[in-house]
Amino acid sequence: MSPSPPAVPPASPAAVEIEQALTRVAYLSVRARQHDRLVAMAGVPLDRASVSMLRRIAEHDPLRPGELAQVLAVQASHVTRQVQRLQQAGYVTRVPDPDDPRARRIRLTPRGEDAVARLGDAGARGMQMVLADWSPAEVRLLARLVGRLAAVLASEPADGAVEAARSAGRITPLKEGHGSHAGTTKPAA
């Protein structure tokens, strides 16, 4: 029998407020109206799943389909169908895997790279509009703190509860080199 995970103290009011705000931000950033504005500004006619997939491929290029499914936290069959559509539209291609001649990896085409760059630019311009009333110091502070939070969330936590969940197979670790680190990530796309 495995030991019980360590007790976690109750969340502070500030932690509750942050979690609620981040949950709301996550919801608002992926809703259909926001997506429609983003792709219109970028001039890239893609659905939300395609945009997300292109961005992840850009961050981890090139990936095997199974690795891409892990990065996106979706079923491999979803990745296969979506990659086929993106390939037919000219955004991605399959290239030989240098580690296994029988396998293929997914890579952005020049059209895919252009789409990711345009989406990143449109997203950054949209964020700039949202933060137009903030002082430059507030924007810099927000960027630093959100970047730090993203790095912590992407890193592999070492606390006992997470390790116990990982051991029980309830969560899987990030692959080596597949995470964000403050100051070392590619520009947000």
Protein backbone atom coordinates (compact mmCIF):
# COMPACT_ATOMS: atom_id res chain seq x y z
CA MET A 1 0.00 0.00 0.00
CA SER A 2 1.43 3.37 -0.93
CA PRO A 3 1.73 6.12 1.68
CA SER A 4 -0.91 8.83 1.77
CA PRO A 5 0.02 12.10 0.11
CA PRO A 6 1.05 14.81 2.56
CA ALA A 7 -1.64 17.11 3.87
CA VAL A 8 -1.91 20.36 1.94
CA PRO A 9 -2.76 23.47 3.99
CA PRO A 10 -5.91 25.39 3.04
CA ALA A 11 -5.51 27.95 0.26
CA SER A 12 -4.99 31.56 1.24
CA PRO A 13 -7.58 34.13 0.14
CA ALA A 14 -5.01 35.53 -2.31
CA ALA A 15 -4.42 32.07 -3.83
CA VAL A 16 -8.18 31.61 -4.23
CA GLU A 17 -8.47 35.02 -5.91
CA ILE A 18 -5.56 34.27 -8.27
CA GLU A 19 -6.96 30.85 -9.20
CA GLN A 20 -10.39 32.32 -9.91
CA ALA A 21 -8.94 35.15 -11.99
CA LEU A 22 -6.73 32.78 -14.01
CA THR A 23 -9.66 30.44 -14.60
CA ARG A 24 -11.68 33.39 -15.93
CA VAL A 25 -8.77 34.61 -18.10
CA ALA A 26 -8.33 31.10 -19.53
CA TYR A 27 -12.05 30.90 -20.34
CA LEU A 28 -12.19 34.37 -21.88
CA SER A 29 -9.08 33.83 -23.98
CA VAL A 30 -10.40 30.72 -25.73
CA ARG A 31 -14.01 31.59 -26.32
CA ALA A 32 -15.24 31.70 -29.90
CA ARG A 33 -15.59 35.49 -30.16
CA GLN A 34 -11.99 36.00 -29.03
CA HIS A 35 -10.77 33.37 -31.49
CA ASP A 36 -12.73 34.98 -34.32
CA ARG A 37 -11.10 38.36 -33.57
CA LEU A 38 -7.64 36.79 -33.45
CA VAL A 39 -7.90 34.96 -36.78
CA ALA A 40 -9.51 38.00 -38.43
CA MET A 41 -6.66 40.27 -37.25
CA ALA A 42 -4.10 37.69 -38.37
CA GLY A 43 -5.84 36.92 -41.66
CA VAL A 44 -5.49 33.21 -40.93
CA PRO A 45 -8.72 31.23 -41.55
CA LEU A 46 -8.26 28.43 -38.99
CA ASP A 47 -10.42 26.92 -36.27
CA ARG A 48 -9.35 26.98 -32.61
CA ALA A 49 -8.00 23.42 -32.64
CA SER A 50 -5.82 24.18 -35.67
CA VAL A 51 -4.47 27.38 -34.13
CA SER A 52 -3.60 25.58 -30.92
CA MET A 53 -1.94 22.74 -32.80
CA LEU A 54 0.13 25.05 -35.01
CA ARG A 55 1.34 26.97 -31.96
CA ARG A 56 2.38 23.78 -30.16
CA ILE A 57 4.18 22.47 -33.25
CA ALA A 58 6.02 25.79 -33.50
CA GLU A 59 7.14 25.48 -29.87
CA HIS A 60 8.31 21.87 -30.18
CA ASP A 61 9.03 21.45 -33.91
CA PRO A 62 9.33 18.73 -35.13
CA LEU A 63 7.23 16.24 -33.16
CA ARG A 64 5.98 12.73 -33.64
CA PRO A 65 2.17 12.58 -33.66
CA GLY A 66 2.14 10.81 -30.28
CA GLU A 67 4.36 13.50 -28.76
CA LEU A 68 2.07 16.19 -30.16
CA ALA A 69 -0.93 14.43 -28.61
CA GLN A 70 0.86 14.48 -25.23
CA VAL A 71 1.73 18.17 -25.56
CA LEU A 72 -1.90 18.99 -26.42
CA ALA A 73 -3.28 16.49 -23.86
CA VAL A 74 -5.60 14.94 -26.47
CA GLN A 75 -6.10 11.52 -28.02
CA ALA A 76 -3.71 10.52 -30.80
CA SER A 77 -6.65 10.01 -33.20
CA HIS A 78 -7.58 13.69 -32.80
CA VAL A 79 -4.03 14.69 -33.71
CA THR A 80 -3.99 12.41 -36.75
CA ARG A 81 -7.19 13.91 -38.20
CA GLN A 82 -6.15 17.50 -37.44
CA VAL A 83 -2.65 17.02 -38.88
CA GLN A 84 -4.15 15.58 -42.07
CA ARG A 85 -6.31 18.71 -42.45
CA LEU A 86 -3.39 21.04 -41.74
CA GLN A 87 -1.21 19.11 -44.17
CA GLN A 88 -3.85 19.31 -46.92
CA ALA A 89 -4.09 23.07 -46.31
CA GLY A 90 -0.31 23.43 -46.59
CA TYR A 91 0.45 24.43 -42.98
CA VAL A 92 2.40 21.32 -41.94
CA THR A 93 4.35 18.51 -43.52
CA ARG A 94 5.59 15.14 -42.37
CA VAL A 95 9.34 14.61 -42.36
CA PRO A 96 11.45 11.51 -41.66
CA ASP A 97 12.34 10.94 -38.02
CA PRO A 98 16.15 10.89 -37.76
CA ASP A 99 15.90 8.53 -34.77
CA ASP A 100 13.64 5.97 -36.47
CA PRO A 101 13.44 5.66 -40.26
CA ARG A 102 9.99 4.06 -39.99
CA ALA A 103 8.51 7.05 -38.11
CA ARG A 104 7.56 10.54 -39.26
CA ARG A 105 7.61 13.89 -37.48
CA ILE A 106 5.33 16.86 -38.02
CA ARG A 107 6.93 20.15 -39.02
CA LEU A 108 5.56 23.54 -39.99
CA THR A 109 5.82 24.54 -43.63
CA PRO A 110 6.73 28.13 -44.53
CA ARG A 111 2.97 28.80 -44.74
CA GLY A 112 2.55 27.34 -41.24
CA GLU A 113 5.43 29.43 -39.89
CA ASP A 114 3.88 32.54 -41.43
CA ALA A 115 0.49 31.71 -39.89
CA VAL A 116 2.02 31.23 -36.42
CA ALA A 117 3.94 34.51 -36.73
CA ARG A 118 0.81 36.37 -37.84
CA LEU A 119 -1.25 34.84 -35.02
CA GLY A 120 1.43 35.79 -32.50
CA ASP A 121 1.56 39.33 -33.80
CA ALA A 122 -2.24 39.64 -33.76
CA GLY A 123 -2.38 38.22 -30.24
CA ALA A 124 0.28 40.65 -29.02
CA ARG A 125 -1.50 43.61 -30.64
CA GLY A 126 -4.77 42.48 -29.08
CA MET A 127 -3.12 42.24 -25.66
CA GLN A 128 -1.63 45.69 -26.14
CA MET A 129 -5.11 47.07 -26.83
CA VAL A 130 -6.50 45.35 -23.71
CA LEU A 131 -3.72 46.85 -21.59
CA ALA A 132 -3.83 50.31 -23.21
CA ASP A 133 -4.91 51.98 -19.94
CA TRP A 134 -2.18 50.31 -17.89
CA SER A 135 1.07 52.14 -17.15
CA PRO A 136 4.25 50.81 -18.75
CA ALA A 137 5.46 49.79 -15.28
CA GLU A 138 2.26 47.80 -14.66
CA VAL A 139 2.56 46.05 -18.02
CA ARG A 140 6.21 45.14 -17.35
CA LEU A 141 5.31 43.85 -13.87
CA LEU A 142 2.43 41.78 -15.25
CA ALA A 143 4.66 40.34 -17.98
CA ARG A 144 7.32 39.40 -15.43
CA LEU A 145 4.88 37.83 -12.97
CA VAL A 146 2.84 35.95 -15.58
CA GLY A 147 6.07 34.67 -17.16
CA ARG A 148 7.28 33.52 -13.77
CA LEU A 149 3.95 31.79 -13.05
CA ALA A 150 4.01 30.07 -16.44
CA ALA A 151 7.54 28.82 -15.79
CA VAL A 152 6.55 27.42 -12.41
CA LEU A 153 3.43 25.76 -13.81
CA ALA A 154 5.42 24.23 -16.67
CA SER A 155 8.21 22.93 -14.45
CA GLU A 156 8.05 19.57 -12.76
CA PRO A 157 6.87 20.11 -9.19
CA ALA A 158 8.64 17.95 -6.64
CA ASP A 159 6.06 17.91 -3.85
CA GLY A 160 4.84 14.60 -2.50
CA ALA A 161 1.22 14.94 -3.65
CA VAL A 162 2.27 15.42 -7.26
CA GLU A 163 4.81 12.60 -7.05
CA ALA A 164 2.16 10.30 -5.54
CA ALA A 165 -0.30 11.17 -8.32
CA ARG A 166 2.41 10.62 -10.93
CA SER A 167 3.33 7.25 -9.39
CA ALA A 168 -0.32 6.22 -9.43
CA GLY A 169 -0.49 7.13 -13.13
CA ARG A 170 -2.98 9.98 -12.63
CA ILE A 171 -0.62 12.54 -14.22
CA THR A 172 2.28 12.25 -16.64
CA PRO A 173 5.45 14.34 -16.49
CA LEU A 174 6.48 16.78 -19.18
CA LYS A 175 9.06 15.35 -21.55
CA GLU A 176 12.59 16.64 -21.16
CA GLY A 177 12.93 19.94 -23.01
CA HIS A 178 9.16 20.33 -23.48
CA GLY A 179 8.28 23.07 -21.07
CA SER A 180 8.43 26.78 -20.69
CA HIS A 181 11.20 28.42 -18.75
CA ALA A 182 11.15 32.12 -17.96
CA GLY A 183 13.27 34.04 -20.38
CA THR A 184 13.96 31.05 -22.65
CA THR A 185 10.67 30.50 -24.41
CA LYS A 186 9.95 31.39 -27.97
CA PRO A 187 7.78 34.49 -28.35
CA ALA A 188 4.14 33.78 -27.55
CA ALA A 189 2.26 32.88 -30.67
